[in-house]
Amino acid sequence: MGTGSRTTRDVISLREAARAWFAISLQTFGGPAGQIAVMQRTLVDEKRWIGQQRFLFALSYCTLLPGPEAQQLATYVGWLLNGVRGALVAGILFILPGVVALLVLSGIYVAHGDSPLVESLFLGLAPAVIAIVVQAVVRVGRKGLGDPALVAVAVLSFVALTLFAVPFPAVVAVAALLGWVLGRRIPTLTHPPRAAVDDGPVPLISDDALHSERPSTRRSALVLAIGLTAWFAPVALAAVLLGRSSIFVDQGLFFSGAAVVTFGGAYAVLAYVAQQAVSVYGWLAPGEMVRGLALAETTPGPLVMVVQFVAFVGAYRAPGGLDPWAAAVLAALLTTWVTFVPCFLFILLGAPYVERLRGNRDLAAALAGITAAVVGVIASLAVFFSLHTLFAETARLTSGPLDVEYPLLGSLEWPSLAITVLGCALVFWRGWSVLRTLGACALAGVVLGLALAA
């Protein structure tokens, strides 16, 4: 890999890339699994802008970072295509529709509470997400599991997460170790036959190309200084203008801390955020975190965007002397800022170094193990979505190391099951796109939901 050709700073025009990233951003429903599937289909399968193994390598690196891996993957690929400008465009556009949509939905929630129409939309969209996640398991698994040993790693990861509630960082660490060991014993682990991973036209960024931007101490110091200043300047400004006891400062500091401990994606940190937001700060009432998560699940962008809902509702109810609506919007935007600025910092700081390590066979094998674990993680997310979408009630069985959440069969939601079957049929049988499937299921949910409410 280290002897491959170098990519230029702009592989394609920034304008063309921006159009593609905006189109992708409108389809990023369904959490990281659905988002990764959309980028896989658009960037690797259709446009052929990046090779399959480069895509999976970048995904493996982003999986190691705190924060939303799909947004960081978009930022990484944007950097590969158009340098720093491309990273900023890709990362910002990836979250922009979700920021706007969740602002609007949070406002509707605060103003109107439970609406039959909104609930009917959720009835259709949530089951569609299940179909999208299952499709992602199939697609990413087909591309990333080129050896039976990696299939075994994926299965073990799924079992560890689903049946034993093993912490995500531990799963990733063990998968990396297994990948390294397997790489020593199976020379072809990280170099499966080309036909098995990439059988289309030659991509613009091939699997063995190096990025032209070299790492340096000077560059790293500059990126770090700018990133840290951008990250904390709004919080410092709020402290100066409104005082240290302001809700904006509390939220800025709290969600800045949460941003650097969100290993394993949104679900790994949601329990902590919910507990602090309800019991410590009083920003939400008990049970409202679930409603916020439902909103985040049915809007484009990373699921960790639910923190925007938490900040919006909390500041609306305790505006600190400001107009409640102005306070809510400012808090939501500040929280979004401190949540995602670190993502750009991690990528722009680390990507040049990671690129130079792609030729290291031990690292490649470890990342192959992580990629296999990601397949197991996505499969476990499919189970999580199914449990909480198709059943009104679940229970938990704990016995020794066993820790399993299971459904109470009597609480099966038949309308959700029917729309899930519809979504799977549209995705796997008819081959519909994510956006088209979501639209059809949303329409079915509105019709069915309003009919049941009548």
Protein backbone atom coordinates (compact mmCIF):
# COMPACT_ATOMS: atom_id res chain seq x y z
CA MET A 1 0.00 0.00 0.00
CA GLY A 2 2.78 2.39 0.86
CA THR A 3 4.09 2.26 -2.70
CA GLY A 4 0.76 3.16 -4.29
CA SER A 5 -0.04 6.34 -6.17
CA ARG A 6 -0.99 9.51 -4.35
CA THR A 7 -4.40 11.15 -4.54
CA THR A 8 -4.55 14.82 -5.44
CA ARG A 9 -6.01 17.39 -3.07
CA ASP A 10 -9.24 17.61 -5.14
CA VAL A 11 -10.19 14.25 -6.60
CA ILE A 12 -13.45 15.76 -7.85
CA SER A 13 -14.73 19.33 -7.86
CA LEU A 14 -15.87 20.60 -4.48
CA ARG A 15 -19.19 21.68 -5.99
CA GLU A 16 -19.91 18.18 -7.28
CA ALA A 17 -18.88 16.69 -3.94
CA ALA A 18 -21.15 19.15 -2.07
CA ARG A 19 -24.13 18.13 -4.20
CA ALA A 20 -23.45 14.47 -3.47
CA TRP A 21 -23.01 15.03 0.28
CA PHE A 22 -26.24 17.01 0.44
CA ALA A 23 -28.09 14.22 -1.36
CA ILE A 24 -26.59 11.70 1.08
CA SER A 25 -27.56 13.87 4.05
CA LEU A 26 -31.24 13.68 3.08
CA GLN A 27 -31.10 9.87 3.24
CA THR A 28 -29.23 9.39 6.53
CA PHE A 29 -32.10 7.84 8.45
CA GLY A 30 -31.85 4.76 10.61
CA GLY A 31 -28.83 5.48 12.75
CA PRO A 32 -25.23 4.57 11.87
CA ALA A 33 -26.18 1.34 10.12
CA GLY A 34 -28.49 3.05 7.67
CA GLN A 35 -26.11 5.98 7.21
CA ILE A 36 -23.14 3.75 6.45
CA ALA A 37 -25.29 1.79 4.01
CA VAL A 38 -26.23 5.00 2.17
CA MET A 39 -22.58 6.07 1.86
CA GLN A 40 -21.57 2.56 0.80
CA ARG A 41 -24.13 2.54 -1.97
CA THR A 42 -23.50 6.12 -3.15
CA LEU A 43 -19.74 6.53 -2.81
CA VAL A 44 -18.49 2.98 -3.42
CA ASP A 45 -21.11 1.18 -5.50
CA GLU A 46 -22.61 3.93 -7.66
CA LYS A 47 -20.21 6.88 -8.03
CA ARG A 48 -17.02 4.81 -7.59
CA TRP A 49 -15.29 7.68 -5.85
CA ILE A 50 -13.55 5.46 -3.30
CA GLY A 51 -12.48 1.81 -3.26
CA GLN A 52 -14.21 -0.72 -1.03
CA GLN A 53 -11.19 -1.45 1.16
CA ARG A 54 -10.40 2.26 1.60
CA PHE A 55 -13.99 2.79 2.70
CA LEU A 56 -13.84 -0.07 5.21
CA PHE A 57 -10.44 1.06 6.49
CA ALA A 58 -11.80 4.56 7.13
CA LEU A 59 -14.86 3.06 8.82
CA SER A 60 -12.69 0.95 11.10
CA TYR A 61 -10.68 4.00 12.18
CA CYS A 62 -13.82 6.05 12.82
CA THR A 63 -15.24 3.20 14.89
CA LEU A 64 -12.32 3.63 17.30
CA LEU A 65 -13.15 7.29 17.92
CA PRO A 66 -15.64 8.77 20.36
CA GLY A 67 -18.64 10.30 18.65
CA PRO A 68 -20.90 9.34 15.72
CA GLU A 69 -18.84 7.10 13.46
CA ALA A 70 -20.99 7.69 10.37
CA GLN A 71 -20.55 11.47 10.51
CA GLN A 72 -16.84 11.02 11.09
CA LEU A 73 -16.68 8.58 8.16
CA ALA A 74 -18.27 11.23 5.94
CA THR A 75 -15.73 13.77 7.19
CA TYR A 76 -12.85 11.36 6.52
CA VAL A 77 -14.00 10.57 2.98
CA GLY A 78 -14.63 14.28 2.36
CA TRP A 79 -11.01 14.92 3.40
CA LEU A 80 -9.78 12.22 1.03
CA LEU A 81 -11.74 13.79 -1.84
CA ASN A 82 -11.16 17.51 -1.25
CA GLY A 83 -8.83 18.04 1.69
CA VAL A 84 -9.82 20.17 4.69
CA ARG A 85 -12.52 21.99 2.71
CA GLY A 86 -14.03 18.70 1.70
CA ALA A 87 -13.96 17.42 5.28
CA LEU A 88 -15.82 20.49 6.53
CA VAL A 89 -18.38 20.39 3.69
CA ALA A 90 -19.05 16.67 4.09
CA GLY A 91 -19.25 16.74 7.88
CA ILE A 92 -21.46 19.85 8.06
CA LEU A 93 -23.85 18.78 5.31
CA PHE A 94 -24.12 15.33 6.89
CA ILE A 95 -25.72 16.80 10.03
CA LEU A 96 -27.41 19.94 8.68
CA PRO A 97 -30.79 18.43 7.66
CA GLY A 98 -31.00 16.62 11.00
CA VAL A 99 -30.25 19.81 12.95
CA VAL A 100 -33.03 21.69 11.13
CA ALA A 101 -35.51 18.81 11.30
CA LEU A 102 -34.94 18.14 14.99
CA LEU A 103 -35.20 21.85 15.83
CA VAL A 104 -38.60 21.95 14.15
CA LEU A 105 -39.78 18.70 15.76
CA SER A 106 -38.53 19.78 19.20
CA GLY A 107 -40.51 22.99 18.82
CA ILE A 108 -43.62 21.05 17.82
CA TYR A 109 -43.14 18.74 20.79
CA VAL A 110 -42.82 21.63 23.24
CA ALA A 111 -45.75 23.54 21.76
CA HIS A 112 -48.23 20.81 20.97
CA GLY A 113 -47.19 17.68 22.85
CA ASP A 114 -48.48 14.41 21.47
CA SER A 115 -50.02 14.84 18.04
CA PRO A 116 -51.93 11.99 16.35
CA LEU A 117 -50.38 12.91 13.01
CA VAL A 118 -46.82 12.90 14.36
CA GLU A 119 -47.43 9.62 16.18
CA SER A 120 -48.77 8.13 12.95
CA LEU A 121 -45.63 9.25 11.13
CA PHE A 122 -43.53 7.53 13.80
CA LEU A 123 -45.66 4.40 13.37
CA GLY A 124 -44.53 4.22 9.74
CA LEU A 125 -40.95 5.45 9.96
CA ALA A 126 -39.68 3.38 12.90
CA PRO A 127 -40.47 -0.01 11.25
CA ALA A 128 -38.88 1.22 8.01
CA VAL A 129 -35.69 1.85 9.97
CA ILE A 130 -35.60 -1.86 10.87
CA ALA A 131 -35.60 -2.83 7.19
CA ILE A 132 -32.84 -0.31 6.43
CA VAL A 133 -30.65 -1.59 9.28
CA VAL A 134 -31.11 -5.21 8.21
CA GLN A 135 -30.12 -4.21 4.68
CA ALA A 136 -27.00 -2.57 6.10
CA VAL A 137 -26.05 -5.78 7.92
CA VAL A 138 -26.28 -7.68 4.64
CA ARG A 139 -24.38 -5.11 2.58
CA VAL A 140 -21.59 -4.30 5.00
CA GLY A 141 -21.24 -7.97 5.91
CA ARG A 142 -20.99 -9.01 2.28
CA LYS A 143 -18.28 -6.44 1.63
CA GLY A 144 -16.33 -6.59 4.88
CA LEU A 145 -16.33 -10.30 5.76
CA GLY A 146 -14.04 -11.72 3.10
CA ASP A 147 -12.84 -14.64 5.21
CA PRO A 148 -14.73 -17.20 7.36
CA ALA A 149 -12.59 -16.17 10.34
CA LEU A 150 -13.96 -12.63 10.08
CA VAL A 151 -17.49 -14.03 9.93
CA ALA A 152 -16.75 -15.76 13.23
CA VAL A 153 -15.53 -12.47 14.74
CA ALA A 154 -18.75 -10.77 13.61
CA VAL A 155 -20.89 -13.51 15.16
CA LEU A 156 -18.94 -13.43 18.42
CA SER A 157 -19.29 -9.65 18.58
CA PHE A 158 -23.04 -9.90 18.04
CA VAL A 159 -23.39 -12.54 20.74
CA ALA A 160 -21.25 -10.56 23.20
CA LEU A 161 -23.33 -7.41 22.73
CA THR A 162 -26.77 -9.01 22.52
CA LEU A 163 -26.59 -11.84 25.05
CA PHE A 164 -23.96 -10.67 27.51
CA ALA A 165 -24.16 -6.85 27.33
CA VAL A 166 -20.38 -6.62 26.94
CA PRO A 167 -19.33 -2.93 26.74
CA PHE A 168 -18.70 -1.78 23.19
CA PRO A 169 -15.07 -0.68 23.81
CA ALA A 170 -14.28 -4.18 25.11
CA VAL A 171 -15.81 -5.75 21.99
CA VAL A 172 -13.75 -3.49 19.74
CA ALA A 173 -10.55 -4.18 21.69
CA VAL A 174 -11.02 -7.95 21.55
CA ALA A 175 -11.95 -7.79 17.85
CA ALA A 176 -8.78 -5.82 17.10
CA LEU A 177 -6.71 -8.38 19.01
CA LEU A 178 -8.40 -11.28 17.19
CA GLY A 179 -7.84 -9.54 13.86
CA TRP A 180 -4.15 -9.10 14.65
CA VAL A 181 -3.77 -12.77 15.65
CA LEU A 182 -5.71 -13.99 12.61
CA GLY A 183 -3.67 -11.74 10.33
CA ARG A 184 -0.50 -13.48 11.51
CA ARG A 185 -2.00 -16.89 10.66
CA ILE A 186 -4.03 -16.03 7.53
CA PRO A 187 -1.94 -13.96 5.10
CA THR A 188 -4.94 -13.26 2.83
CA LEU A 189 -7.10 -11.90 5.67
CA THR A 190 -6.67 -8.27 4.65
CA HIS A 191 -6.28 -8.98 0.93
CA PRO A 192 -9.24 -11.05 -0.18
CA PRO A 193 -9.69 -11.67 -3.92
CA ARG A 194 -10.57 -8.44 -5.69
CA ALA A 195 -13.74 -9.91 -7.17
CA ALA A 196 -14.99 -10.56 -3.67
CA VAL A 197 -14.75 -6.96 -2.59
CA ASP A 198 -14.71 -4.61 -5.56
CA ASP A 199 -15.94 -5.86 -8.92
CA GLY A 200 -16.91 -2.54 -10.53
CA PRO A 201 -14.97 0.09 -12.49
CA VAL A 202 -11.71 1.38 -10.98
CA PRO A 203 -12.60 3.93 -8.26
CA LEU A 204 -11.17 7.46 -8.28
CA ILE A 205 -9.47 6.77 -4.95
CA SER A 206 -8.12 3.27 -5.25
CA ASP A 207 -7.46 0.92 -2.36
CA ASP A 208 -3.68 1.48 -2.51
CA ALA A 209 -3.56 5.27 -3.08
CA LEU A 210 -2.03 7.60 -0.50
CA HIS A 211 -3.43 11.02 0.35
CA SER A 212 -1.13 13.88 -0.59
CA GLU A 213 -1.34 15.70 2.76
CA ARG A 214 1.54 14.58 4.95
CA PRO A 215 1.37 14.69 8.75
CA SER A 216 3.64 17.14 10.55
CA THR A 217 4.04 18.53 14.04
CA ARG A 218 3.38 22.06 12.82
CA ARG A 219 0.17 21.05 11.06
CA SER A 220 -1.02 19.03 14.05
CA ALA A 221 -0.38 21.91 16.46
CA LEU A 222 -2.29 24.30 14.19
CA VAL A 223 -5.27 21.94 13.83
CA LEU A 224 -5.31 21.32 17.58
CA ALA A 225 -5.19 25.02 18.43
CA ILE A 226 -7.93 25.99 16.00
CA GLY A 227 -10.08 23.01 16.96
CA LEU A 228 -9.90 23.59 20.72
CA THR A 229 -10.58 27.32 20.29
CA ALA A 230 -13.60 26.67 18.09
CA TRP A 231 -14.84 23.99 20.48
CA PHE A 232 -14.84 26.03 23.69
CA ALA A 233 -15.15 29.66 22.52
CA PRO A 234 -19.01 29.67 22.49
CA VAL A 235 -19.12 28.19 26.01
CA ALA A 236 -16.64 30.78 27.27
CA LEU A 237 -18.67 33.56 25.61
CA ALA A 238 -21.85 32.31 27.31
CA ALA A 239 -20.05 32.29 30.66
CA VAL A 240 -18.87 35.90 30.17
CA LEU A 241 -22.23 37.24 28.98
CA LEU A 242 -24.64 35.21 31.11
CA GLY A 243 -22.59 34.00 34.08
CA ARG A 244 -21.16 30.65 35.09
CA SER A 245 -24.49 29.47 36.50
CA SER A 246 -26.22 29.89 33.12
CA ILE A 247 -27.93 26.81 31.70
CA PHE A 248 -25.99 27.39 28.48
CA VAL A 249 -22.67 26.96 30.29
CA ASP A 250 -23.93 23.88 32.12
CA GLN A 251 -25.12 22.30 28.87
CA GLY A 252 -22.02 23.33 26.95
CA LEU A 253 -19.67 21.78 29.49
CA PHE A 254 -21.79 18.68 30.06
CA PHE A 255 -22.22 17.84 26.39
CA SER A 256 -18.58 18.66 25.65
CA GLY A 257 -17.68 15.96 28.16
CA ALA A 258 -20.24 13.58 26.71
CA ALA A 259 -18.76 14.12 23.24
CA VAL A 260 -15.45 12.57 24.25
CA VAL A 261 -16.87 9.51 26.00
CA THR A 262 -19.41 8.38 23.38
CA PHE A 263 -17.47 5.29 22.37
CA GLY A 264 -19.81 2.82 20.73
CA GLY A 265 -22.21 5.33 19.25
CA ALA A 266 -25.25 7.07 20.63
CA TYR A 267 -26.73 4.17 22.57
CA ALA A 268 -23.57 3.73 24.62
CA VAL A 269 -23.98 7.21 26.14
CA LEU A 270 -27.77 7.69 26.13
CA ALA A 271 -28.31 6.05 29.51
CA TYR A 272 -25.73 8.40 31.08
CA VAL A 273 -27.18 11.48 29.35
CA ALA A 274 -30.73 10.52 30.35
CA GLN A 275 -29.78 9.97 33.98
CA GLN A 276 -27.93 13.29 34.24
CA ALA A 277 -30.53 15.28 32.31
CA VAL A 278 -33.42 13.96 34.43
CA SER A 279 -31.99 13.35 37.90
CA VAL A 280 -29.13 15.86 38.17
CA TYR A 281 -30.03 18.84 35.98
CA GLY A 282 -33.82 18.43 35.69
CA TRP A 283 -33.84 19.31 31.99
CA LEU A 284 -36.27 16.50 31.13
CA ALA A 285 -39.08 14.68 32.86
CA PRO A 286 -38.79 10.89 33.27
CA GLY A 287 -39.67 9.14 30.03
CA GLU A 288 -39.01 12.13 27.79
CA MET A 289 -35.62 10.80 26.71
CA VAL A 290 -37.41 8.00 24.88
CA ARG A 291 -39.54 10.51 23.01
CA GLY A 292 -36.47 12.49 22.06
CA LEU A 293 -34.78 9.33 20.82
CA ALA A 294 -37.85 8.54 18.71
CA LEU A 295 -37.56 11.97 17.11
CA ALA A 296 -33.83 11.49 16.49
CA GLU A 297 -34.39 8.04 15.00
CA THR A 298 -36.86 9.41 12.47
CA THR A 299 -34.83 12.41 11.32
CA PRO A 300 -31.73 12.33 9.13
CA GLY A 301 -28.33 12.48 10.78
CA PRO A 302 -26.60 10.83 13.74
CA LEU A 303 -28.74 9.47 16.59
CA VAL A 304 -26.58 11.37 19.08
CA MET A 305 -28.49 14.42 17.78
CA VAL A 306 -30.96 13.54 20.53
CA VAL A 307 -28.80 15.73 22.79
CA GLN A 308 -30.13 18.69 20.80
CA PHE A 309 -33.65 17.74 21.90
CA VAL A 310 -32.50 17.51 25.52
CA ALA A 311 -30.91 20.96 25.37
CA PHE A 312 -33.92 22.50 23.58
CA VAL A 313 -36.48 21.23 26.09
CA GLY A 314 -34.28 22.02 29.09
CA ALA A 315 -33.59 25.62 28.05
CA TYR A 316 -37.21 26.23 27.06
CA ARG A 317 -38.32 25.31 30.58
CA ALA A 318 -35.50 27.20 32.32
CA PRO A 319 -34.57 30.06 29.97
CA GLY A 320 -32.68 32.06 32.59
CA GLY A 321 -34.36 35.38 31.86
CA LEU A 322 -34.35 35.04 28.07
CA ASP A 323 -37.32 34.44 25.84
CA PRO A 324 -38.03 30.68 26.13
CA TRP A 325 -38.01 30.07 22.39
CA ALA A 326 -34.79 32.02 21.86
CA ALA A 327 -33.17 30.20 24.79
CA ALA A 328 -34.27 26.82 23.43
CA VAL A 329 -32.87 27.47 19.95
CA LEU A 330 -29.59 28.88 21.29
CA ALA A 331 -29.15 25.93 23.65
CA ALA A 332 -29.86 23.42 20.89
CA LEU A 333 -27.36 25.04 18.54
CA LEU A 334 -24.69 25.35 21.24
CA THR A 335 -25.11 21.70 22.19
CA THR A 336 -24.88 20.64 18.55
CA TRP A 337 -21.71 22.71 18.19
CA VAL A 338 -19.87 21.22 21.19
CA THR A 339 -21.00 17.72 20.20
CA PHE A 340 -19.73 17.78 16.62
CA VAL A 341 -16.71 20.12 16.60
CA PRO A 342 -14.64 17.38 18.32
CA CYS A 343 -15.55 15.01 15.47
CA PHE A 344 -13.88 17.29 12.94
CA LEU A 345 -10.91 17.71 15.26
CA PHE A 346 -10.39 13.95 15.64
CA ILE A 347 -10.49 13.36 11.88
CA LEU A 348 -8.39 16.32 10.72
CA LEU A 349 -5.83 15.62 13.44
CA GLY A 350 -5.57 11.85 13.02
CA ALA A 351 -6.38 11.04 9.41
CA PRO A 352 -2.98 12.03 7.91
CA TYR A 353 -1.22 9.74 10.40
CA VAL A 354 -3.66 6.88 9.88
CA GLU A 355 -3.19 7.13 6.10
CA ARG A 356 0.54 6.47 6.51
CA LEU A 357 -0.18 3.37 8.55
CA ARG A 358 -2.35 1.65 5.95
CA GLY A 359 0.66 -0.31 4.70
CA ASN A 360 1.19 -1.84 8.11
CA ARG A 361 -0.10 -5.42 7.89
CA ASP A 362 -0.59 -5.79 11.63
CA LEU A 363 -2.68 -2.62 11.79
CA ALA A 364 -4.64 -3.65 8.70
CA ALA A 365 -5.41 -7.02 10.29
CA ALA A 366 -6.51 -5.38 13.55
CA LEU A 367 -8.80 -3.01 11.64
CA ALA A 368 -10.19 -5.95 9.66
CA GLY A 369 -11.17 -7.46 13.00
CA ILE A 370 -12.82 -4.19 14.00
CA THR A 371 -14.70 -4.06 10.70
CA ALA A 372 -16.03 -7.55 11.39
CA ALA A 373 -17.10 -6.42 14.86
CA VAL A 374 -18.95 -3.48 13.28
CA VAL A 375 -21.09 -5.97 11.36
CA GLY A 376 -21.99 -7.60 14.67
CA VAL A 377 -22.71 -4.17 16.18
CA ILE A 378 -25.06 -3.26 13.35
CA ALA A 379 -26.84 -6.60 13.74
CA SER A 380 -27.26 -5.94 17.46
CA LEU A 381 -28.72 -2.53 16.63
CA ALA A 382 -31.22 -4.28 14.35
CA VAL A 383 -32.28 -6.41 17.31
CA PHE A 384 -32.51 -3.34 19.55
CA PHE A 385 -34.67 -1.46 17.05
CA SER A 386 -36.89 -4.50 16.54
CA LEU A 387 -37.43 -5.02 20.27
CA HIS A 388 -38.41 -1.41 20.90
CA THR A 389 -40.41 -0.91 17.72
CA LEU A 390 -42.37 -4.15 17.46
CA PHE A 391 -43.11 -4.64 21.16
CA ALA A 392 -44.62 -2.27 23.69
CA GLU A 393 -42.92 -4.02 26.60
CA THR A 394 -39.63 -5.83 27.11
CA ALA A 395 -37.99 -7.54 30.07
CA ARG A 396 -34.42 -8.41 30.99
CA LEU A 397 -32.98 -11.77 31.99
CA THR A 398 -29.78 -11.67 34.03
CA SER A 399 -28.08 -14.83 35.23
CA GLY A 400 -24.36 -14.83 35.80
CA PRO A 401 -22.71 -13.30 32.71
CA LEU A 402 -25.97 -13.62 30.74
CA ASP A 403 -27.75 -10.28 30.28
CA VAL A 404 -30.51 -10.47 27.67
CA GLU A 405 -33.35 -8.12 26.86
CA TYR A 406 -36.31 -10.02 25.45
CA PRO A 407 -39.81 -9.06 24.28
CA LEU A 408 -43.05 -9.79 26.06
CA LEU A 409 -44.92 -11.51 23.24
CA GLY A 410 -48.31 -10.31 24.41
CA SER A 411 -47.22 -6.72 23.76
CA LEU A 412 -46.58 -7.25 20.04
CA GLU A 413 -47.54 -4.18 18.02
CA TRP A 414 -49.27 -5.65 14.99
CA PRO A 415 -49.37 -2.39 12.97
CA SER A 416 -45.61 -1.97 13.41
CA LEU A 417 -45.03 -5.58 12.39
CA ALA A 418 -47.13 -5.11 9.24
CA ILE A 419 -45.17 -1.99 8.22
CA THR A 420 -41.86 -3.74 8.99
CA VAL A 421 -42.83 -6.54 6.61
CA LEU A 422 -43.76 -3.90 4.03
CA GLY A 423 -40.40 -2.14 4.47
CA CYS A 424 -38.42 -5.38 4.12
CA ALA A 425 -40.39 -6.29 1.00
CA LEU A 426 -39.71 -2.90 -0.58
CA VAL A 427 -35.99 -3.01 0.25
CA PHE A 428 -35.15 -6.66 -0.51
CA TRP A 429 -37.80 -7.72 -3.02
CA ARG A 430 -38.47 -4.52 -4.94
CA GLY A 431 -35.00 -3.02 -4.42
CA TRP A 432 -36.34 0.40 -3.49
CA SER A 433 -34.05 3.18 -2.27
CA VAL A 434 -33.90 4.21 1.38
CA LEU A 435 -35.75 7.48 0.79
CA ARG A 436 -38.48 5.86 -1.30
CA THR A 437 -38.97 3.11 1.28
CA LEU A 438 -39.19 5.65 4.10
CA GLY A 439 -41.78 7.64 2.16
CA ALA A 440 -43.94 4.61 1.46
CA CYS A 441 -43.77 3.41 5.07
CA ALA A 442 -44.48 6.90 6.43
CA LEU A 443 -47.59 7.10 4.23
CA ALA A 444 -48.67 3.65 5.39
CA GLY A 445 -48.14 4.72 9.00
CA VAL A 446 -50.23 7.88 8.61
CA VAL A 447 -53.09 5.99 6.96
CA LEU A 448 -53.01 3.13 9.46
CA GLY A 449 -52.40 5.30 12.51
CA LEU A 450 -55.21 7.75 11.77
CA ALA A 451 -57.54 4.87 10.93
CA LEU A 452 -56.82 3.19 14.28
CA ALA A 453 -57.27 6.49 16.13
CA ALA A 454 -60.63 7.19 14.50
